[in-house]
PDB file of N, CA and C in Angstrom:
ATOM      1  N   MET A   1      83.437 139.017  62.755  1.00  0.00           N
ATOM      2  CA  MET A   1      83.252 138.040  63.591  1.00  0.00           C
ATOM      3  C   MET A   1      84.228 137.402  63.452  1.00  0.00           C
ATOM      4  N   PHE A   2      84.724 136.871  62.453  1.00  0.00           N
ATOM      5  CA  PHE A   2      85.429 135.775  62.587  1.00  0.00           C
ATOM      6  C   PHE A   2      86.931 135.630  63.636  1.00  0.00           C
ATOM      7  N   VAL A   3      87.449 136.902  64.420  1.00  0.00           N
ATOM      8  CA  VAL A   3      88.609 136.845  64.853  1.00  0.00           C
ATOM      9  C   VAL A   3      87.671 136.433  66.255  1.00  0.00           C
ATOM     10  N   ALA A   4      86.387 137.077  66.645  1.00  0.00           N
ATOM     11  CA  ALA A   4      85.511 136.515  68.184  1.00  0.00           C
ATOM     12  C   ALA A   4      85.538 134.437  68.002  1.00  0.00           C
ATOM     13  N   GLY A   5      85.415 134.357  66.565  1.00  0.00           N
ATOM     14  CA  GLY A   5      85.116 132.958  67.024  1.00  0.00           C
ATOM     15  C   GLY A   5      86.432 132.228  66.684  1.00  0.00           C
ATOM     16  N   ASN A   6      87.537 132.665  66.411  1.00  0.00           N
ATOM     17  CA  ASN A   6      88.882 132.330  66.330  1.00  0.00           C
ATOM     18  C   ASN A   6      89.347 132.415  67.733  1.00  0.00           C
ATOM     19  N   PHE A   7      89.039 133.243  68.816  1.00  0.00           N
ATOM     20  CA  PHE A   7      89.860 133.242  69.835  1.00  0.00           C
ATOM     21  C   PHE A   7      88.392 132.807  70.827  1.00  0.00           C
ATOM     22  N   ILE A   8      87.439 132.155  70.791  1.00  0.00           N
ATOM     23  CA  ILE A   8      86.477 131.599  71.268  1.00  0.00           C
ATOM     24  C   ILE A   8      86.993 129.873  71.366  1.00  0.00           C
ATOM     25  N   GLU A   9      87.199 129.494  69.995  1.00  0.00           N
ATOM     26  CA  GLU A   9      87.710 128.483  69.374  1.00  0.00           C
ATOM     27  C   GLU A   9      89.072 128.246  70.277  1.00  0.00           C
ATOM     28  N   ALA A  10      90.029 129.293  70.356  1.00  0.00           N
ATOM     29  CA  ALA A  10      91.187 129.421  70.957  1.00  0.00           C
ATOM     30  C   ALA A  10      90.801 128.444  72.411  1.00  0.00           C
ATOM     31  N   ILE A  11      90.296 129.277  73.443  1.00  0.00           N
ATOM     32  CA  ILE A  11      89.591 129.455  74.530  1.00  0.00           C
ATOM     33  C   ILE A  11      89.297 128.078  74.766  1.00  0.00           C
ATOM     34  N   ALA A  12      88.193 127.188  73.512  1.00  0.00           N
ATOM     35  CA  ALA A  12      87.861 125.822  73.749  1.00  0.00           C
ATOM     36  C   ALA A  12      88.798 125.123  74.035  1.00  0.00           C
ATOM     37  N   GLY A  13      89.657 125.602  73.019  1.00  0.00           N
ATOM     38  CA  GLY A  13      91.131 124.168  72.723  1.00  0.00           C
ATOM     39  C   GLY A  13      91.826 124.092  73.704  1.00  0.00           C
ATOM     40  N   LEU A  14      92.188 125.550  74.561  1.00  0.00           N
ATOM     41  CA  LEU A  14      92.962 125.426  75.986  1.00  0.00           C
ATOM     42  C   LEU A  14      92.213 125.266  77.418  1.00  0.00           C
ATOM     43  N   LEU A  15      90.904 125.035  77.376  1.00  0.00           N
ATOM     44  CA  LEU A  15      90.222 124.384  78.462  1.00  0.00           C
ATOM     45  C   LEU A  15      90.293 123.083  78.318  1.00  0.00           C
ATOM     46  N   ASN A  16      89.968 122.652  76.339  1.00  0.00           N
ATOM     47  CA  ASN A  16      89.912 121.007  76.756  1.00  0.00           C
ATOM     48  C   ASN A  16      91.375 120.539  76.909  1.00  0.00           C
ATOM     49  N   LEU A  17      92.461 121.097  76.250  1.00  0.00           N
ATOM     50  CA  LEU A  17      93.557 121.000  76.424  1.00  0.00           C
ATOM     51  C   LEU A  17      94.083 120.371  78.482  1.00  0.00           C
ATOM     52  N   VAL A  18      93.280 121.736  78.813  1.00  0.00           N
ATOM     53  CA  VAL A  18      93.742 122.141  80.599  1.00  0.00           C
ATOM     54  C   VAL A  18      92.899 120.448  81.483  1.00  0.00           C
ATOM     55  N   ILE A  19      91.524 120.434  80.531  1.00  0.00           N
ATOM     56  CA  ILE A  19      90.994 119.215  81.278  1.00  0.00           C
ATOM     57  C   ILE A  19      91.569 117.835  81.463  1.00  0.00           C
ATOM     58  N   THR A  20      91.771 117.910  80.025  1.00  0.00           N
ATOM     59  CA  THR A  20      92.669 116.590  80.019  1.00  0.00           C
ATOM     60  C   THR A  20      93.891 116.618  80.573  1.00  0.00           C
ATOM     61  N   LEU A  21      94.953 117.694  80.924  1.00  0.00           N
ATOM     62  CA  LEU A  21      96.061 117.216  81.753  1.00  0.00           C
ATOM     63  C   LEU A  21      95.360 117.046  83.171  1.00  0.00           C
ATOM     64  N   TYR A  22      94.299 117.650  83.456  1.00  0.00           N
ATOM     65  CA  TYR A  22      94.101 117.403  84.880  1.00  0.00           C
ATOM     66  C   TYR A  22      93.680 116.146  84.998  1.00  0.00           C
ATOM     67  N   VAL A  23      92.683 115.494  84.056  1.00  0.00           N
ATOM     68  CA  VAL A  23      92.346 114.145  84.068  1.00  0.00           C
ATOM     69  C   VAL A  23      93.235 113.084  84.255  1.00  0.00           C
ATOM     70  N   TRP A  24      94.520 113.505  83.937  1.00  0.00           N
ATOM     71  CA  TRP A  24      95.863 112.563  83.403  1.00  0.00           C
ATOM     72  C   TRP A  24      96.625 112.735  85.404  1.00  0.00           C
ATOM     73  N   VAL A  25      96.339 113.775  85.528  1.00  0.00           N
ATOM     74  CA  VAL A  25      96.856 113.894  87.255  1.00  0.00           C
ATOM     75  C   VAL A  25      95.642 113.474  87.744  1.00  0.00           C
ATOM     76  N   ILE A  26      95.009 113.077  87.857  1.00  0.00           N
ATOM     77  CA  ILE A  26      93.599 112.748  88.894  1.00  0.00           C
ATOM     78  C   ILE A  26      94.240 111.093  88.550  1.00  0.00           C
ATOM     79  N   ILE A  27      93.944 111.081  87.267  1.00  0.00           N
ATOM     80  CA  ILE A  27      94.109 109.136  87.394  1.00  0.00           C
ATOM     81  C   ILE A  27      96.008 109.143  87.889  1.00  0.00           C
ATOM     82  N   ALA A  28      96.931 109.910  87.498  1.00  0.00           N
ATOM     83  CA  ALA A  28      97.905 109.416  88.456  1.00  0.00           C
ATOM     84  C   ALA A  28      98.345 109.320  89.584  1.00  0.00           C
ATOM     85  N   ARG A  29      97.562 110.858  90.438  1.00  0.00           N
ATOM     86  CA  ARG A  29      97.017 110.276  91.645  1.00  0.00           C
ATOM     87  C   ARG A  29      96.541 109.121  92.487  1.00  0.00           C
ATOM     88  N   ALA A  30      95.730 108.597  91.750  1.00  0.00           N
ATOM     89  CA  ALA A  30      94.385 107.617  91.849  1.00  0.00           C
ATOM     90  C   ALA A  30      95.548 106.026  92.439  1.00  0.00           C
ATOM     91  N   VAL A  31      96.412 106.101  90.942  1.00  0.00           N
ATOM     92  CA  VAL A  31      97.284 105.329  91.361  1.00  0.00           C
ATOM     93  C   VAL A  31      98.812 105.160  92.471  1.00  0.00           C
ATOM     94  N   ILE A  32      99.297 106.561  92.686  1.00  0.00           N
ATOM     95  CA  ILE A  32      99.802 106.410  93.325  1.00  0.00           C
ATOM     96  C   ILE A  32      99.528 106.225  94.969  1.00  0.00           C
ATOM     97  N   SER A  33      98.314 106.498  94.815  1.00  0.00           N
ATOM     98  CA  SER A  33      97.397 105.851  96.302  1.00  0.00           C
ATOM     99  C   SER A  33      97.216 104.798  96.601  1.00  0.00           C
ATOM    100  N   TRP A  34      97.109 103.977  95.565  1.00  0.00           N
ATOM    101  CA  TRP A  34      97.097 102.520  95.418  1.00  0.00           C
ATOM    102  C   TRP A  34      98.315 102.052  96.130  1.00  0.00           C
ATOM    103  N   VAL A  35      99.881 102.630  95.706  1.00  0.00           N
ATOM    104  CA  VAL A  35     101.047 101.970  96.366  1.00  0.00           C
ATOM    105  C   VAL A  35     101.627 102.789  97.298  1.00  0.00           C
ATOM    106  N   ASN A  36     102.793 102.098  98.212  1.00  0.00           N
ATOM    107  CA  ASN A  36     103.121 102.537  99.432  1.00  0.00           C
ATOM    108  C   ASN A  36     103.924 103.733  98.487  1.00  0.00           C
ATOM    109  N   ALA A  37     103.585 105.131  98.354  1.00  0.00           N
ATOM    110  CA  ALA A  37     104.834 105.931  97.398  1.00  0.00           C
ATOM    111  C   ALA A  37     105.488 106.853  98.596  1.00  0.00           C
ATOM    112  N   ASP A  38     106.491 107.117  98.480  1.00  0.00           N
ATOM    113  CA  ASP A  38     106.947 108.269  99.440  1.00  0.00           C
ATOM    114  C   ASP A  38     106.585 109.598  99.316  1.00  0.00           C
ATOM    115  N   PRO A  39     105.673 109.833 100.392  1.00  0.00           N
ATOM    116  CA  PRO A  39     105.226 111.556 100.567  1.00  0.00           C
ATOM    117  C   PRO A  39     105.920 112.933 100.879  1.00  0.00           C
ATOM    118  N   TYR A  40     107.714 112.283 100.641  1.00  0.00           N
ATOM    119  CA  TYR A  40     108.519 113.058 100.445  1.00  0.00           C
ATOM    120  C   TYR A  40     109.017 113.013  99.111  1.00  0.00           C
ATOM    121  N   ASN A  41     108.755 112.488  98.244  1.00  0.00           N
ATOM    122  CA  ASN A  41     108.833 112.750  96.927  1.00  0.00           C
ATOM    123  C   ASN A  41     108.440 113.727  96.051  1.00  0.00           C
ATOM    124  N   PRO A  42     109.208 114.518  95.231  1.00  0.00           N
ATOM    125  CA  PRO A  42     108.230 115.781  95.390  1.00  0.00           C
ATOM    126  C   PRO A  42     107.494 115.563  94.065  1.00  0.00           C
ATOM    127  N   ILE A  43     107.516 114.301  93.431  1.00  0.00           N
ATOM    128  CA  ILE A  43     106.072 114.225  92.317  1.00  0.00           C
ATOM    129  C   ILE A  43     105.141 113.911  92.904  1.00  0.00           C
ATOM    130  N   VAL A  44     105.114 113.113  93.849  1.00  0.00           N
ATOM    131  CA  VAL A  44     104.195 112.853  95.018  1.00  0.00           C
ATOM    132  C   VAL A  44     103.938 114.054  95.730  1.00  0.00           C
ATOM    133  N   ARG A  45     104.197 115.074  95.963  1.00  0.00           N
ATOM    134  CA  ARG A  45     103.956 115.814  96.399  1.00  0.00           C
ATOM    135  C   ARG A  45     103.328 116.830  94.946  1.00  0.00           C
ATOM    136  N   MET A  46     103.836 116.958  94.700  1.00  0.00           N
ATOM    137  CA  MET A  46     102.891 117.465  93.302  1.00  0.00           C
ATOM    138  C   MET A  46     101.724 117.736  93.208  1.00  0.00           C
ATOM    139  N   LEU A  47     101.808 116.257  92.837  1.00  0.00           N
ATOM    140  CA  LEU A  47     100.261 115.420  92.169  1.00  0.00           C
ATOM    141  C   LEU A  47      99.511 115.410  93.816  1.00  0.00           C
ATOM    142  N   CYS A  48     100.120 115.286  94.693  1.00  0.00           N
ATOM    143  CA  CYS A  48      98.889 115.944  96.218  1.00  0.00           C
ATOM    144  C   CYS A  48      98.163 117.139  95.828  1.00  0.00           C
ATOM    145  N   ASN A  49      98.877 117.929  95.505  1.00  0.00           N
ATOM    146  CA  ASN A  49      99.214 119.711  95.715  1.00  0.00           C
ATOM    147  C   ASN A  49      98.329 119.679  95.417  1.00  0.00           C
ATOM    148  N   LEU A  50      98.000 119.169  93.571  1.00  0.00           N
ATOM    149  CA  LEU A  50      96.936 119.690  92.026  1.00  0.00           C
ATOM    150  C   LEU A  50      96.227 119.002  92.507  1.00  0.00           C
ATOM    151  N   THR A  51      95.765 118.159  93.459  1.00  0.00           N
ATOM    152  CA  THR A  51      94.589 117.200  93.469  1.00  0.00           C
ATOM    153  C   THR A  51      93.594 117.431  94.490  1.00  0.00           C
ATOM    154  N   ASP A  52      94.637 117.763  95.601  1.00  0.00           N
ATOM    155  CA  ASP A  52      94.124 117.739  97.129  1.00  0.00           C
ATOM    156  C   ASP A  52      92.814 118.605  97.412  1.00  0.00           C
ATOM    157  N   PRO A  53      92.623 120.161  96.672  1.00  0.00           N
ATOM    158  CA  PRO A  53      91.850 120.642  96.924  1.00  0.00           C
ATOM    159  C   PRO A  53      90.508 120.610  96.481  1.00  0.00           C
ATOM    160  N   VAL A  54      90.213 119.880  94.995  1.00  0.00           N
ATOM    161  CA  VAL A  54      89.125 119.102  94.260  1.00  0.00           C
ATOM    162  C   VAL A  54      88.860 118.107  95.084  1.00  0.00           C
ATOM    163  N   LEU A  55      89.861 117.299  95.403  1.00  0.00           N
ATOM    164  CA  LEU A  55      89.294 116.059  95.808  1.00  0.00           C
ATOM    165  C   LEU A  55      88.704 116.497  97.430  1.00  0.00           C
ATOM    166  N   TYR A  56      89.696 117.089  98.004  1.00  0.00           N
ATOM    167  CA  TYR A  56      89.304 117.633  99.595  1.00  0.00           C
ATOM    168  C   TYR A  56      87.486 118.020  99.779  1.00  0.00           C
ATOM    169  N   ARG A  57      87.630 119.010  98.951  1.00  0.00           N
ATOM    170  CA  ARG A  57      85.883 119.467  98.964  1.00  0.00           C
ATOM    171  C   ARG A  57      84.864 118.498  98.422  1.00  0.00           C
ATOM    172  N   LEU A  58      84.927 117.139  97.589  1.00  0.00           N
ATOM    173  CA  LEU A  58      84.126 116.584  97.415  1.00  0.00           C
ATOM    174  C   LEU A  58      84.055 115.326  98.254  1.00  0.00           C
ATOM    175  N   ARG A  59      85.315 115.218  99.136  1.00  0.00           N
ATOM    176  CA  ARG A  59      85.054 114.682 100.487  1.00  0.00           C
ATOM    177  C   ARG A  59      84.093 114.814 100.819  1.00  0.00           C
ATOM    178  N   GLN A  60      84.389 116.004 101.471  1.00  0.00           N
ATOM    179  CA  GLN A  60      83.577 116.619 102.736  1.00  0.00           C
ATOM    180  C   GLN A  60      82.521 116.744 102.139  1.00  0.00           C
ATOM    181  N   THR A  61      81.885 117.419 100.683  1.00  0.00           N
ATOM    182  CA  THR A  61      80.147 116.832 100.143  1.00  0.00           C
ATOM    183  C   THR A  61      79.789 115.994 100.399  1.00  0.00           C
ATOM    184  N   LEU A  62      80.493 115.042  99.323  1.00  0.00           N
ATOM    185  CA  LEU A  62      79.831 113.583  99.525  1.00  0.00           C
ATOM    186  C   LEU A  62      80.763 112.474 100.004  1.00  0.00           C
ATOM    187  N   PRO A  63      79.836 111.957 101.070  1.00  0.00           N
ATOM    188  CA  PRO A  63      80.697 111.040 101.975  1.00  0.00           C
ATOM    189  C   PRO A  63      80.767 109.759 100.745  1.00  0.00           C
ATOM    190  N   MET A  64      81.873 109.463 100.756  1.00  0.00           N
ATOM    191  CA  MET A  64      81.641 108.225  99.526  1.00  0.00           C
ATOM    192  C   MET A  64      82.835 107.338  99.854  1.00  0.00           C
ATOM    193  N   ALA A  65      82.625 106.640 101.359  1.00  0.00           N
ATOM    194  CA  ALA A  65      84.044 105.840 101.461  1.00  0.00           C
ATOM    195  C   ALA A  65      83.072 104.518 101.569  1.00  0.00           C
ATOM    196  N   PHE A  66      83.272 103.493 100.699  1.00  0.00           N
ATOM    197  CA  PHE A  66      82.672 102.298 100.103  1.00  0.00           C
ATOM    198  C   PHE A  66      83.808 100.954 100.557  1.00  0.00           C
ATOM    199  N   GLY A  67      83.623 100.901 101.550  1.00  0.00           N
ATOM    200  CA  GLY A  67      84.714  99.641 102.246  1.00  0.00           C
ATOM    201  C   GLY A  67      86.236  99.770 102.050  1.00  0.00           C
ATOM    202  N   GLY A  68      86.176 101.607 102.467  1.00  0.00           N
ATOM    203  CA  GLY A  68      87.610 101.871 102.481  1.00  0.00           C
ATOM    204  C   GLY A  68      88.305 102.282 101.100  1.00  0.00           C
ATOM    205  N   ILE A  69      86.887 102.535 100.211  1.00  0.00           N
ATOM    206  CA  ILE A  69      88.118 102.974  98.848  1.00  0.00           C
ATOM    207  C   ILE A  69      87.232 104.316  99.107  1.00  0.00           C
ATOM    208  N   ASP A  70      87.868 105.057  98.220  1.00  0.00           N
ATOM    209  CA  ASP A  70      87.495 106.559  98.062  1.00  0.00           C
ATOM    210  C   ASP A  70      86.968 106.910  97.116  1.00  0.00           C
ATOM    211  N   MET A  71      85.839 107.414  96.513  1.00  0.00           N
ATOM    212  CA  MET A  71      85.893 107.100  95.412  1.00  0.00           C
ATOM    213  C   MET A  71      85.537 108.917  94.568  1.00  0.00           C
ATOM    214  N   SER A  72      86.119 109.605  95.762  1.00  0.00           N
ATOM    215  CA  SER A  72      86.418 111.354  95.381  1.00  0.00           C
ATOM    216  C   SER A  72      86.722 111.381  93.610  1.00  0.00           C
ATOM    217  N   PRO A  73      87.922 110.417  93.207  1.00  0.00           N
ATOM    218  CA  PRO A  73      88.731 110.609  91.799  1.00  0.00           C
ATOM    219  C   PRO A  73      87.394 110.262  91.001  1.00  0.00           C
ATOM    220  N   VAL A  74      86.608 109.389  90.994  1.00  0.00           N
ATOM    221  CA  VAL A  74      85.736 108.978  90.148  1.00  0.00           C
ATOM    222  C   VAL A  74      84.850 110.171  89.913  1.00  0.00           C
ATOM    223  N   VAL A  75      84.159 110.833  91.146  1.00  0.00           N
ATOM    224  CA  VAL A  75      83.635 111.680  90.555  1.00  0.00           C
ATOM    225  C   VAL A  75      84.212 112.845  89.957  1.00  0.00           C
ATOM    226  N   ALA A  76      85.104 113.563  90.869  1.00  0.00           N
ATOM    227  CA  ALA A  76      86.021 114.302  89.870  1.00  0.00           C
ATOM    228  C   ALA A  76      86.232 113.988  88.706  1.00  0.00           C
ATOM    229  N   LEU A  77      86.185 113.322  88.134  1.00  0.00           N
ATOM    230  CA  LEU A  77      86.342 112.603  86.670  1.00  0.00           C
ATOM    231  C   LEU A  77      85.431 112.582  86.040  1.00  0.00           C
ATOM    232  N   LEU A  78      84.838 112.540  86.619  1.00  0.00           N
ATOM    233  CA  LEU A  78      83.446 112.126  86.203  1.00  0.00           C
ATOM    234  C   LEU A  78      82.535 113.790  85.729  1.00  0.00           C
ATOM    235  N   ILE A  79      82.706 114.640  86.532  1.00  0.00           N
ATOM    236  CA  ILE A  79      82.781 116.316  86.403  1.00  0.00           C
ATOM    237  C   ILE A  79      83.358 116.481  85.424  1.00  0.00           C
ATOM    238  N   LEU A  80      84.815 116.355  84.981  1.00  0.00           N
ATOM    239  CA  LEU A  80      85.484 116.662  84.075  1.00  0.00           C
ATOM    240  C   LEU A  80      85.152 116.183  83.015  1.00  0.00           C
ATOM    241  N   TRP A  81      84.603 114.820  82.540  1.00  0.00           N
ATOM    242  CA  TRP A  81      84.199 114.768  81.476  1.00  0.00           C
ATOM    243  C   TRP A  81      82.784 115.440  80.956  1.00  0.00           C
ATOM    244  N   PHE A  82      81.622 115.807  82.273  1.00  0.00           N
ATOM    245  CA  PHE A  82      80.871 116.621  81.565  1.00  0.00           C
ATOM    246  C   PHE A  82      81.528 117.911  81.427  1.00  0.00           C
ATOM    247  N   LEU A  83      82.502 118.372  81.952  1.00  0.00           N
ATOM    248  CA  LEU A  83      82.808 120.094  81.618  1.00  0.00           C
ATOM    249  C   LEU A  83      83.712 119.853  79.852  1.00  0.00           C
ATOM    250  N   ARG A  84      84.116 118.783  80.059  1.00  0.00           N
ATOM    251  CA  ARG A  84      84.829 118.560  78.516  1.00  0.00           C
ATOM    252  C   ARG A  84      83.663 118.433  77.294  1.00  0.00           C
ATOM    253  N   ALA A  85      82.080 117.130  77.743  1.00  0.00           N
ATOM    254  CA  ALA A  85      81.348 117.054  76.723  1.00  0.00           C
ATOM    255  C   ALA A  85      80.450 118.396  76.645  1.00  0.00           C
ATOM    256  N   PHE A  86      79.899 119.267  77.504  1.00  0.00           N
ATOM    257  CA  PHE A  86      79.286 120.094  77.383  1.00  0.00           C
ATOM    258  C   PHE A  86      79.654 121.598  76.980  1.00  0.00           C
ATOM    259  N   LEU A  87      80.392 121.886  78.461  1.00  0.00           N
ATOM    260  CA  LEU A  87      81.128 123.199  78.336  1.00  0.00           C
ATOM    261  C   LEU A  87      82.094 123.162  76.551  1.00  0.00           C
ATOM    262  N   VAL A  88      83.159 122.407  76.971  1.00  0.00           N
ATOM    263  CA  VAL A  88      84.179 122.688  75.735  1.00  0.00           C
ATOM    264  C   VAL A  88      83.503 122.674  74.041  1.00  0.00           C
ATOM    265  N   GLN A  89      82.198 121.745  74.435  1.00  0.00           N
ATOM    266  CA  GLN A  89      81.687 121.453  72.558  1.00  0.00           C
ATOM    267  C   GLN A  89      80.941 122.331  72.502  1.00  0.00           C
ATOM    268  N   SER A  90      80.538 123.300  73.727  1.00  0.00           N
ATOM    269  CA  SER A  90      79.657 124.565  73.856  1.00  0.00           C
ATOM    270  C   SER A  90      80.214 125.786  72.849  1.00  0.00           C
ATOM    271  N   LEU A  91      81.445 126.127  73.344  1.00  0.00           N
ATOM    272  CA  LEU A  91      82.323 127.360  72.743  1.00  0.00           C
ATOM    273  C   LEU A  91      82.885 126.311  71.790  1.00  0.00           C
ATOM    274  N   TYR A  92      82.927 125.119  71.183  1.00  0.00           N
ATOM    275  CA  TYR A  92      83.603 125.274  69.437  1.00  0.00           C
ATOM    276  C   TYR A  92      82.315 125.388  69.108  1.00  0.00           C
ATOM    277  N   ASP A  93      81.003 125.582  68.987  1.00  0.00           N
ATOM    278  CA  ASP A  93      79.937 125.302  68.342  1.00  0.00           C
ATOM    279  C   ASP A  93      79.506 126.736  68.280  1.00  0.00           C
ATOM    280  N   ILE A  94      79.848 127.523  69.593  1.00  0.00           N
ATOM    281  CA  ILE A  94      80.020 129.290  69.693  1.00  0.00           C
ATOM    282  C   ILE A  94      80.764 129.531  68.286  1.00  0.00           C
ATOM    283  N   ALA A  95      81.454 129.357  68.354  1.00  0.00           N
ATOM    284  CA  ALA A  95      82.668 129.795  67.760  1.00  0.00           C
ATOM    285  C   ALA A  95      82.932 129.034  66.191  1.00  0.00           C
ATOM    286  N   ARG A  96      81.940 127.909  65.803  1.00  0.00           N
ATOM    287  CA  ARG A  96      81.281 127.840  64.672  1.00  0.00           C
ATOM    288  C   ARG A  96      80.602 128.558  64.214  1.00  0.00           C
ATOM    289  N   ALA A  97      79.389 128.985  64.732  1.00  0.00           N
ATOM    290  CA  ALA A  97      78.131 129.819  64.560  1.00  0.00           C
ATOM    291  C   ALA A  97      79.166 131.039  63.880  1.00  0.00           C
ATOM    292  N   MET A  98      80.164 131.818  64.704  1.00  0.00           N
ATOM    293  CA  MET A  98      80.708 133.360  64.347  1.00  0.00           C
ATOM    294  C   MET A  98      81.005 133.300  63.287  1.00  0.00           C
ATOM    295  N   GLN A  99      82.056 132.066  62.660  1.00  0.00           N
ATOM    296  CA  GLN A  99      82.936 132.358  61.588  1.00  0.00           C
ATOM    297  C   GLN A  99      82.357 132.164  60.333  1.00  0.00           C
TER     298      GLN A  99
END
C-alpha cells in the first residue's frame, strides 16, 4: 500500500505546485491590468491566455464590478486558496494514512 500512498502524495505535491504557479499568474495578471501594458507583448498575451478562461467565467457568474474595480481575481485567489487548503491537504492525509 505504500506505493499507492507515495503516488497520492506525488499527485498532491504536483497539484500544490500547479495551484501555487496559477496563483502567481493571476497576481501578475492583476498587476499588469493596473498599468497600461502593451497588449501585443508576448508575456502579457500569455498571462491573458492563461487567466481569461477562469476570470471570464467568474465575471459572468458573479457581477463584481465595485466602482470599476474587477474583483474576479480576488475570488479566483480565494477559490485556489480553498482548493489548496482542502483538496491538497486531504490528499496528503490520505497518503499518510496509506503508508
